[in-house]
C-alpha atoms as a PDB file:
ATOM      1  CA  MET A   1     -57.511  17.695 -47.175  1.00  0.00           C
ATOM      2  CA  ASN A   2     -60.067  17.037 -44.436  1.00  0.00           C
ATOM      3  CA  THR A   3     -58.026  15.018 -41.934  1.00  0.00           C
ATOM      4  CA  LEU A   4     -54.479  16.324 -42.499  1.00  0.00           C
ATOM      5  CA  SER A   5     -52.670  19.619 -42.826  1.00  0.00           C
ATOM      6  CA  ILE A   6     -49.311  20.197 -44.511  1.00  0.00           C
ATOM      7  CA  GLU A   7     -47.165  23.184 -43.559  1.00  0.00           C
ATOM      8  CA  ARG A   8     -43.758  24.046 -44.991  1.00  0.00           C
ATOM      9  CA  ARG A   9     -40.957  25.344 -42.772  1.00  0.00           C
ATOM     10  CA  GLY A  10     -38.115  25.870 -45.202  1.00  0.00           C
ATOM     11  CA  GLY A  11     -37.216  22.478 -46.601  1.00  0.00           C
ATOM     12  CA  THR A  12     -39.271  20.583 -43.999  1.00  0.00           C
ATOM     13  CA  ALA A  13     -42.911  19.589 -44.436  1.00  0.00           C
ATOM     14  CA  ILE A  14     -44.920  19.293 -41.225  1.00  0.00           C
ATOM     15  CA  VAL A  15     -47.727  16.792 -41.784  1.00  0.00           C
ATOM     16  CA  GLN A  16     -50.279  16.989 -38.989  1.00  0.00           C
ATOM     17  CA  LEU A  17     -53.196  14.670 -38.259  1.00  0.00           C
ATOM     18  CA  THR A  18     -56.159  16.982 -37.674  1.00  0.00           C
ATOM     19  CA  ARG A  19     -58.946  15.086 -35.934  1.00  0.00           C
ATOM     20  CA  PRO A  20     -58.299  16.320 -32.365  1.00  0.00           C
ATOM     21  CA  ASP A  21     -61.903  15.665 -31.315  1.00  0.00           C
ATOM     22  CA  LYS A  22     -61.254  11.973 -32.076  1.00  0.00           C
ATOM     23  CA  LYS A  23     -57.688  12.001 -30.678  1.00  0.00           C
ATOM     24  CA  ASN A  24     -56.650  11.795 -34.338  1.00  0.00           C
ATOM     25  CA  ALA A  25     -58.151   8.315 -34.713  1.00  0.00           C
ATOM     26  CA  MET A  26     -57.327   7.021 -38.172  1.00  0.00           C
ATOM     27  CA  SER A  27     -60.414   6.921 -40.377  1.00  0.00           C
ATOM     28  CA  PHE A  28     -60.434   5.378 -43.844  1.00  0.00           C
ATOM     29  CA  GLU A  29     -60.464   8.931 -45.195  1.00  0.00           C
ATOM     30  CA  MET A  30     -57.312   9.751 -43.209  1.00  0.00           C
ATOM     31  CA  MET A  31     -55.584   6.645 -44.565  1.00  0.00           C
ATOM     32  CA  ARG A  32     -56.344   7.730 -48.133  1.00  0.00           C
ATOM     33  CA  GLU A  33     -55.143  11.243 -47.402  1.00  0.00           C
ATOM     34  CA  LEU A  34     -51.912   9.940 -45.834  1.00  0.00           C
ATOM     35  CA  VAL A  35     -51.182   8.019 -49.038  1.00  0.00           C
ATOM     36  CA  GLN A  36     -52.109  11.045 -51.161  1.00  0.00           C
ATOM     37  CA  ALA A  37     -49.934  13.393 -49.080  1.00  0.00           C
ATOM     38  CA  ALA A  38     -46.944  11.051 -49.281  1.00  0.00           C
ATOM     39  CA  ARG A  39     -47.312  10.832 -53.071  1.00  0.00           C
ATOM     40  CA  GLN A  40     -47.444  14.613 -53.384  1.00  0.00           C
ATOM     41  CA  LEU A  41     -44.407  15.155 -51.183  1.00  0.00           C
ATOM     42  CA  LYS A  42     -42.456  12.457 -53.007  1.00  0.00           C
ATOM     43  CA  GLN A  43     -42.554  14.590 -56.167  1.00  0.00           C
ATOM     44  CA  ASP A  44     -41.109  17.692 -54.457  1.00  0.00           C
ATOM     45  CA  ARG A  45     -37.350  17.758 -55.091  1.00  0.00           C
ATOM     46  CA  SER A  46     -36.904  20.780 -52.802  1.00  0.00           C
ATOM     47  CA  LEU A  47     -38.165  18.773 -49.832  1.00  0.00           C
ATOM     48  CA  ARG A  48     -35.484  17.849 -47.296  1.00  0.00           C
ATOM     49  CA  ALA A  49     -37.408  16.189 -44.450  1.00  0.00           C
ATOM     50  CA  VAL A  50     -40.894  15.456 -43.104  1.00  0.00           C
ATOM     51  CA  VAL A  51     -42.241  15.692 -39.550  1.00  0.00           C
ATOM     52  CA  LEU A  52     -45.341  13.604 -38.750  1.00  0.00           C
ATOM     53  CA  GLN A  53     -47.318  14.847 -35.755  1.00  0.00           C
ATOM     54  CA  GLY A  54     -50.825  15.005 -34.313  1.00  0.00           C
ATOM     55  CA  SER A  55     -52.979  17.988 -33.363  1.00  0.00           C
ATOM     56  CA  GLY A  56     -54.258  18.538 -29.838  1.00  0.00           C
ATOM     57  CA  HIS A  57     -51.035  17.220 -28.244  1.00  0.00           C
ATOM     58  CA  THR A  58     -51.777  13.618 -29.185  1.00  0.00           C
ATOM     59  CA  PHE A  59     -50.413  11.573 -32.063  1.00  0.00           C
ATOM     60  CA  CYS A  60     -53.059   8.987 -32.994  1.00  0.00           C
ATOM     61  CA  ALA A  61     -55.405   6.902 -30.838  1.00  0.00           C
ATOM     62  CA  GLY A  62     -55.562   4.070 -33.391  1.00  0.00           C
ATOM     63  CA  ILE A  63     -58.025   3.135 -36.089  1.00  0.00           C
ATOM     64  CA  ASP A  64     -61.429   4.806 -36.029  1.00  0.00           C
ATOM     65  CA  LEU A  65     -63.618   1.977 -34.748  1.00  0.00           C
ATOM     66  CA  ALA A  66     -66.737   3.601 -36.185  1.00  0.00           C
ATOM     67  CA  ASP A  67     -65.212   3.211 -39.660  1.00  0.00           C
ATOM     68  CA  LEU A  68     -64.034  -0.324 -38.959  1.00  0.00           C
ATOM     69  CA  LYS A  69     -67.477  -1.439 -37.761  1.00  0.00           C
ATOM     70  CA  ASN A  70     -69.400   0.355 -40.508  1.00  0.00           C
ATOM     71  CA  PRO A  71     -70.966  -2.306 -42.828  1.00  0.00           C
ATOM     72  CA  ALA A  72     -70.567   0.128 -45.748  1.00  0.00           C
ATOM     73  CA  ASN A  73     -66.780  -0.271 -45.458  1.00  0.00           C
ATOM     74  CA  ARG A  74     -66.792  -4.076 -45.484  1.00  0.00           C
ATOM     75  CA  GLN A  75     -66.321  -4.353 -49.248  1.00  0.00           C
ATOM     76  CA  THR A  76     -63.426  -1.906 -49.067  1.00  0.00           C
ATOM     77  CA  VAL A  77     -61.776  -3.953 -46.321  1.00  0.00           C
ATOM     78  CA  LEU A  78     -62.202  -7.226 -48.197  1.00  0.00           C
ATOM     79  CA  TRP A  79     -60.825  -5.767 -51.432  1.00  0.00           C
ATOM     80  CA  GLU A  80     -57.831  -4.144 -49.722  1.00  0.00           C
ATOM     81  CA  LEU A  81     -56.941  -7.387 -47.944  1.00  0.00           C
ATOM     82  CA  ALA A  82     -57.456  -9.563 -51.035  1.00  0.00           C
ATOM     83  CA  LYS A  83     -55.566  -7.560 -53.662  1.00  0.00           C
ATOM     84  CA  PRO A  84     -51.997  -8.744 -54.388  1.00  0.00           C
ATOM     85  CA  CYS A  85     -50.220  -5.421 -53.786  1.00  0.00           C
ATOM     86  CA  ARG A  86     -50.011  -3.418 -50.557  1.00  0.00           C
ATOM     87  CA  SER A  87     -53.352  -2.697 -48.925  1.00  0.00           C
ATOM     88  CA  LEU A  88     -54.557   0.827 -48.163  1.00  0.00           C
ATOM     89  CA  PHE A  89     -53.829   0.090 -44.494  1.00  0.00           C
ATOM     90  CA  GLN A  90     -50.231  -0.934 -45.190  1.00  0.00           C
ATOM     91  CA  ASN A  91     -49.605   1.928 -47.585  1.00  0.00           C
ATOM     92  CA  ALA A  92     -50.933   4.549 -45.150  1.00  0.00           C
ATOM     93  CA  ALA A  93     -47.884   3.761 -42.994  1.00  0.00           C
ATOM     94  CA  LEU A  94     -45.263   2.409 -45.389  1.00  0.00           C
ATOM     95  CA  ALA A  95     -45.685   5.216 -47.936  1.00  0.00           C
ATOM     96  CA  TRP A  96     -43.710   7.378 -45.464  1.00  0.00           C
ATOM     97  CA  ARG A  97     -40.939   4.811 -45.341  1.00  0.00           C
ATOM     98  CA  ASP A  98     -40.769   5.056 -49.152  1.00  0.00           C
ATOM     99  CA  LEU A  99     -40.255   8.830 -49.215  1.00  0.00           C
ATOM    100  CA  PRO A 100     -36.849   9.945 -50.567  1.00  0.00           C
ATOM    101  CA  VAL A 101     -36.273  12.132 -47.470  1.00  0.00           C
ATOM    102  CA  PRO A 102     -35.996  11.417 -43.740  1.00  0.00           C
ATOM    103  CA  VAL A 103     -39.286  11.202 -41.857  1.00  0.00           C
ATOM    104  CA  ILE A 104     -39.474  11.994 -38.142  1.00  0.00           C
ATOM    105  CA  ALA A 105     -42.487  11.078 -36.002  1.00  0.00           C
ATOM    106  CA  ALA A 106     -43.199  13.469 -33.117  1.00  0.00           C
ATOM    107  CA  VAL A 107     -45.284  11.542 -30.581  1.00  0.00           C
ATOM    108  CA  GLU A 108     -47.297  13.138 -27.806  1.00  0.00           C
ATOM    109  CA  GLY A 109     -50.274  11.668 -25.956  1.00  0.00           C
ATOM    110  CA  HIS A 110     -51.735   8.560 -27.554  1.00  0.00           C
ATOM    111  CA  CYS A 111     -49.832   6.388 -30.030  1.00  0.00           C
ATOM    112  CA  LEU A 112     -52.005   3.287 -30.287  1.00  0.00           C
ATOM    113  CA  GLY A 113     -52.584   0.594 -32.893  1.00  0.00           C
ATOM    114  CA  ALA A 114     -52.616   2.271 -36.310  1.00  0.00           C
ATOM    115  CA  GLY A 115     -50.857   5.283 -34.786  1.00  0.00           C
ATOM    116  CA  LEU A 116     -48.030   3.138 -33.458  1.00  0.00           C
ATOM    117  CA  GLN A 117     -47.588   1.522 -36.873  1.00  0.00           C
ATOM    118  CA  LEU A 118     -47.481   4.948 -38.545  1.00  0.00           C
ATOM    119  CA  ALA A 119     -44.833   6.138 -36.079  1.00  0.00           C
ATOM    120  CA  LEU A 120     -42.843   2.933 -36.556  1.00  0.00           C
ATOM    121  CA  ALA A 121     -42.740   3.499 -40.327  1.00  0.00           C
ATOM    122  CA  ALA A 122     -40.887   6.792 -39.775  1.00  0.00           C
ATOM    123  CA  ASP A 123     -37.086   6.820 -39.871  1.00  0.00           C
ATOM    124  CA  TYR A 124     -36.830   8.314 -36.404  1.00  0.00           C
ATOM    125  CA  CYS A 125     -39.248   8.924 -33.542  1.00  0.00           C
ATOM    126  CA  ILE A 126     -39.183  11.462 -30.713  1.00  0.00           C
ATOM    127  CA  ALA A 127     -41.702  10.965 -27.889  1.00  0.00           C
ATOM    128  CA  THR A 128     -42.694  12.455 -24.557  1.00  0.00           C
ATOM    129  CA  PRO A 129     -41.937  10.312 -21.487  1.00  0.00           C
ATOM    130  CA  GLU A 130     -45.638  10.192 -20.594  1.00  0.00           C
ATOM    131  CA  SER A 131     -46.902   9.263 -24.074  1.00  0.00           C
ATOM    132  CA  HIS A 132     -49.197   6.206 -24.224  1.00  0.00           C
ATOM    133  CA  TRP A 133     -48.314   3.388 -26.617  1.00  0.00           C
ATOM    134  CA  ALA A 134     -49.873   0.020 -27.465  1.00  0.00           C
ATOM    135  CA  ILE A 135     -50.080  -2.541 -30.237  1.00  0.00           C
ATOM    136  CA  ARG A 136     -53.800  -2.555 -29.575  1.00  0.00           C
ATOM    137  CA  GLU A 137     -55.240  -4.774 -32.314  1.00  0.00           C
ATOM    138  CA  ALA A 138     -55.581  -8.022 -30.298  1.00  0.00           C
ATOM    139  CA  HIS A 139     -57.994  -6.191 -28.013  1.00  0.00           C
ATOM    140  CA  TRP A 140     -60.367  -6.000 -31.001  1.00  0.00           C
ATOM    141  CA  GLY A 141     -59.716  -9.549 -32.181  1.00  0.00           C
ATOM    142  CA  ILE A 142     -57.598  -8.570 -35.186  1.00  0.00           C
ATOM    143  CA  VAL A 143     -53.896  -8.423 -36.047  1.00  0.00           C
ATOM    144  CA  PRO A 144     -51.688  -5.381 -36.707  1.00  0.00           C
ATOM    145  CA  ASP A 145     -51.695  -5.199 -40.517  1.00  0.00           C
ATOM    146  CA  MET A 146     -50.218  -1.802 -41.410  1.00  0.00           C
ATOM    147  CA  GLY A 147     -46.762  -3.061 -42.304  1.00  0.00           C
ATOM    148  CA  ILE A 148     -45.478  -3.794 -38.796  1.00  0.00           C
ATOM    149  CA  SER A 149     -44.000  -7.089 -40.039  1.00  0.00           C
ATOM    150  CA  VAL A 150     -41.643  -4.944 -42.133  1.00  0.00           C
ATOM    151  CA  SER A 151     -41.195  -1.774 -40.077  1.00  0.00           C
ATOM    152  CA  ALA A 152     -40.532  -3.554 -36.753  1.00  0.00           C
ATOM    153  CA  ARG A 153     -37.894  -5.870 -38.199  1.00  0.00           C
ATOM    154  CA  GLY A 154     -34.434  -4.927 -36.985  1.00  0.00           C
ATOM    155  CA  ARG A 155     -35.833  -2.431 -34.466  1.00  0.00           C
ATOM    156  CA  ILE A 156     -37.967  -4.420 -32.019  1.00  0.00           C
ATOM    157  CA  ARG A 157     -36.864  -7.722 -30.477  1.00  0.00           C
ATOM    158  CA  SER A 158     -39.179 -10.538 -31.564  1.00  0.00           C
ATOM    159  CA  ASP A 159     -40.006 -11.642 -28.004  1.00  0.00           C
ATOM    160  CA  ILE A 160     -40.831  -8.056 -26.972  1.00  0.00           C
ATOM    161  CA  LEU A 161     -42.965  -7.612 -30.082  1.00  0.00           C
ATOM    162  CA  ALA A 162     -44.755 -10.887 -29.356  1.00  0.00           C
ATOM    163  CA  ASP A 163     -45.544  -9.915 -25.750  1.00  0.00           C
ATOM    164  CA  LEU A 164     -46.823  -6.452 -26.637  1.00  0.00           C
ATOM    165  CA  THR A 165     -48.864  -7.801 -29.571  1.00  0.00           C
ATOM    166  CA  TYR A 166     -50.412 -10.689 -27.617  1.00  0.00           C
ATOM    167  CA  SER A 167     -51.212  -8.562 -24.546  1.00  0.00           C
ATOM    168  CA  ALA A 168     -52.241  -5.276 -26.249  1.00  0.00           C
ATOM    169  CA  ARG A 169     -50.714  -3.763 -23.097  1.00  0.00           C
ATOM    170  CA  LEU A 170     -50.264  -0.003 -22.716  1.00  0.00           C
ATOM    171  CA  PHE A 171     -46.721   1.283 -22.181  1.00  0.00           C
ATOM    172  CA  ASP A 172     -45.171   4.719 -21.777  1.00  0.00           C
ATOM    173  CA  GLY A 173     -42.541   6.695 -23.642  1.00  0.00           C
ATOM    174  CA  GLN A 174     -39.706   5.437 -21.435  1.00  0.00           C
ATOM    175  CA  THR A 175     -40.635   1.861 -22.336  1.00  0.00           C
ATOM    176  CA  ALA A 176     -41.002   2.832 -26.006  1.00  0.00           C
ATOM    177  CA  ILE A 177     -37.370   4.000 -25.896  1.00  0.00           C
ATOM    178  CA  ALA A 178     -36.197   0.838 -24.137  1.00  0.00           C
ATOM    179  CA  HIS A 179     -37.862  -1.402 -26.729  1.00  0.00           C
ATOM    180  CA  GLY A 180     -36.866   0.583 -29.838  1.00  0.00           C
ATOM    181  CA  PHE A 181     -40.199   2.128 -30.840  1.00  0.00           C
ATOM    182  CA  ALA A 182     -38.795   5.605 -30.229  1.00  0.00           C
ATOM    183  CA  ALA A 183     -35.243   6.906 -30.359  1.00  0.00           C
ATOM    184  CA  ARG A 184     -35.371   9.895 -28.044  1.00  0.00           C
ATOM    185  CA  LEU A 185     -37.464  11.539 -25.327  1.00  0.00           C
ATOM    186  CA  ASP A 186     -38.323  15.231 -25.305  1.00  0.00           C
ATOM    187  CA  ALA A 187     -40.901  17.409 -23.557  1.00  0.00           C
ATOM    188  CA  ALA A 188     -41.869  18.976 -26.906  1.00  0.00           C
ATOM    189  CA  PRO A 189     -41.396  16.406 -29.712  1.00  0.00           C
ATOM    190  CA  PRO A 190     -42.660  18.632 -32.595  1.00  0.00           C
ATOM    191  CA  ASN A 191     -40.037  21.304 -31.803  1.00  0.00           C
ATOM    192  CA  ALA A 192     -37.304  18.717 -31.323  1.00  0.00           C
ATOM    193  CA  ALA A 193     -38.258  16.984 -34.589  1.00  0.00           C
ATOM    194  CA  LEU A 194     -38.141  20.243 -36.535  1.00  0.00           C
ATOM    195  CA  ALA A 195     -34.708  21.088 -35.105  1.00  0.00           C
ATOM    196  CA  LEU A 196     -33.412  17.610 -36.024  1.00  0.00           C
ATOM    197  CA  ALA A 197     -34.838  17.921 -39.554  1.00  0.00           C
ATOM    198  CA  GLU A 198     -33.018  21.240 -39.971  1.00  0.00           C
ATOM    199  CA  GLU A 199     -29.768  19.642 -38.764  1.00  0.00           C
ATOM    200  CA  TRP A 200     -30.071  16.771 -41.256  1.00  0.00           C
ATOM    201  CA  ALA A 201     -30.944  19.226 -44.059  1.00  0.00           C
ATOM    202  CA  GLU A 202     -27.442  20.700 -43.838  1.00  0.00           C
ATOM    203  CA  HIS A 203     -26.181  17.631 -45.724  1.00  0.00           C
ATOM    204  CA  SER A 204     -26.561  16.621 -49.361  1.00  0.00           C
ATOM    205  CA  PRO A 205     -30.148  15.528 -50.117  1.00  0.00           C
ATOM    206  CA  ASP A 206     -28.789  12.774 -52.364  1.00  0.00           C
ATOM    207  CA  ALA A 207     -26.565  11.482 -49.558  1.00  0.00           C
ATOM    208  CA  LEU A 208     -29.591  11.417 -47.238  1.00  0.00           C
ATOM    209  CA  LEU A 209     -31.636   9.527 -49.814  1.00  0.00           C
ATOM    210  CA  GLY A 210     -28.859   7.007 -50.434  1.00  0.00           C
ATOM    211  CA  SER A 211     -28.348   6.524 -46.707  1.00  0.00           C
ATOM    212  CA  LYS A 212     -32.074   5.985 -46.138  1.00  0.00           C
ATOM    213  CA  ARG A 213     -32.263   3.380 -48.903  1.00  0.00           C
ATOM    214  CA  ILE A 214     -29.231   1.536 -47.480  1.00  0.00           C
ATOM    215  CA  VAL A 215     -30.681   1.538 -43.956  1.00  0.00           C
ATOM    216  CA  ASN A 216     -33.977   0.211 -45.332  1.00  0.00           C
ATOM    217  CA  THR A 217     -32.210  -2.826 -46.813  1.00  0.00           C
ATOM    218  CA  LEU A 218     -31.932  -4.038 -43.198  1.00  0.00           C
ATOM    219  CA  TYR A 219     -35.663  -4.782 -43.361  1.00  0.00           C
ATOM    220  CA  GLY A 220     -35.203  -7.380 -46.119  1.00  0.00           C
ATOM    221  CA  CYS A 221     -37.978  -8.856 -48.253  1.00  0.00           C
ATOM    222  CA  GLU A 222     -41.295  -7.065 -47.942  1.00  0.00           C
ATOM    223  CA  TRP A 223     -43.934  -8.848 -49.985  1.00  0.00           C
ATOM    224  CA  LEU A 224     -44.195 -12.137 -48.047  1.00  0.00           C
ATOM    225  CA  PRO A 225     -44.671 -10.694 -44.516  1.00  0.00           C
ATOM    226  CA  LEU A 226     -47.122  -8.103 -45.847  1.00  0.00           C
ATOM    227  CA  MET A 227     -49.100 -10.846 -47.569  1.00  0.00           C
ATOM    228  CA  ARG A 228     -49.230 -12.799 -44.308  1.00  0.00           C
ATOM    229  CA  GLU A 229     -50.611  -9.726 -42.528  1.00  0.00           C
ATOM    230  CA  LYS A 230     -53.446  -9.536 -45.044  1.00  0.00           C
ATOM    231  CA  ILE A 231     -54.214 -13.274 -45.048  1.00  0.00           C
ATOM    232  CA  TRP A 232     -54.491 -13.450 -41.265  1.00  0.00           C
ATOM    233  CA  GLN A 233     -56.590 -10.312 -41.094  1.00  0.00           C
ATOM    234  CA  LEU A 234     -59.017 -11.789 -43.632  1.00  0.00           C
ATOM    235  CA  LYS A 235     -59.238 -15.036 -41.668  1.00  0.00           C
ATOM    236  CA  LEU A 236     -59.865 -13.251 -38.374  1.00  0.00           C
ATOM    237  CA  LEU A 237     -62.500 -10.916 -39.791  1.00  0.00           C
ATOM    238  CA  ALA A 238     -64.297 -13.946 -41.255  1.00  0.00           C
ATOM    239  CA  GLY A 239     -63.964 -15.912 -38.027  1.00  0.00           C
ATOM    240  CA  LYS A 240     -66.141 -16.470 -34.977  1.00  0.00           C
ATOM    241  CA  ASN A 241     -64.016 -14.825 -32.295  1.00  0.00           C
ATOM    242  CA  GLN A 242     -63.441 -11.342 -33.731  1.00  0.00           C
ATOM    243  CA  PRO A 243     -67.009 -10.116 -33.081  1.00  0.00           C
ATOM    244  CA  LEU A 244     -66.723 -11.575 -29.579  1.00  0.00           C
ATOM    245  CA  ALA A 245     -63.560  -9.545 -28.969  1.00  0.00           C
ATOM    246  CA  VAL A 246     -65.452  -6.353 -29.807  1.00  0.00           C
ATOM    247  CA  ARG A 247     -68.334  -7.406 -27.537  1.00  0.00           C
ATOM    248  CA  LYS A 248     -65.925  -8.262 -24.716  1.00  0.00           C
ATOM    249  CA  ASP A 249     -64.731  -4.645 -24.624  1.00  0.00           C
ATOM    250  CA  SER A 250     -68.119  -3.583 -23.211  1.00  0.00           C
ATOM    251  CA  LYS A 251     -69.153  -6.942 -21.726  1.00  0.00           C
ATOM    252  CA  PRO A 252     -66.091  -8.479 -20.011  1.00  0.00           C
ATOM    253  CA  GLU A 253     -68.012 -11.658 -19.174  1.00  0.00           C
ATOM    254  CA  THR A 254     -68.078 -12.580 -22.887  1.00  0.00           C
ATOM    255  CA  GLU A 255     -66.245 -15.864 -23.518  1.00  0.00           C
ATOM    256  CA  PHE A 256     -64.362 -16.757 -26.678  1.00  0.00           C
ATOM    257  CA  LYS A 257     -65.124 -19.878 -28.692  1.00  0.00           C
ATOM    258  CA  PRO A 258     -62.385 -22.555 -29.060  1.00  0.00           C
ATOM    259  CA  ARG A 259     -59.581 -21.657 -31.446  1.00  0.00           C
ATOM    260  CA  GLN A 260     -60.922 -21.857 -34.994  1.00  0.00           C
ATOM    261  CA  TYR A 261     -57.713 -22.016 -37.045  1.00  0.00           C
ATOM    262  CA  ARG A 262     -54.649 -24.250 -37.024  1.00  0.00           C
END
């Protein structure tokens, strides 16, 4: 794989995002490799847990904007948002929620946009106090569409989620704990995650699987909220204000047009 590495430590697989020069920004290639890696690991009955982490002491700085803006990817985006099943974007995160073993996200540095949604799809998250978090998509004139409507349910209060989504505001690890994005703070999340995975692995793998499936029933129906994510992303990408949001990042004087949709 070009954007990920997978290392085994006993029964635990350490899946690391390996684009440190880009702060592990999530390219389309990385999304495909995340889905591929999850499928491979799902078949391994000796697997007991997975740790998701980033190289270079940062988790993921969000979607790779160069990929998102590339006209060559437009057809891919339109197809993924129009097809009736999960999109590539949703599956890159939610495939880890589907694994039959516990998944722990170890967050250092940046955890923005797509990175936040990947971390939120894990069963448990350990972060550094100074880590940087944001639901960043509104800054670019789009909506978070990597399964957050499913993975945030039951974990993040709706008013908190609304504020952080509308504002695209940065927040730190302490705030991530307070709001439910992370479960625990640690100076070295990868080490803490590996130790926790080893503790959980002392129990029956079937009991862990059954427990994970029961906990996931708290999230309820999946298909309708995921469909809404895709519909709104399509509308925004076809709209007048999304290109202005991108322009406003470098030219703050840019003004948005009146609201286009009802």
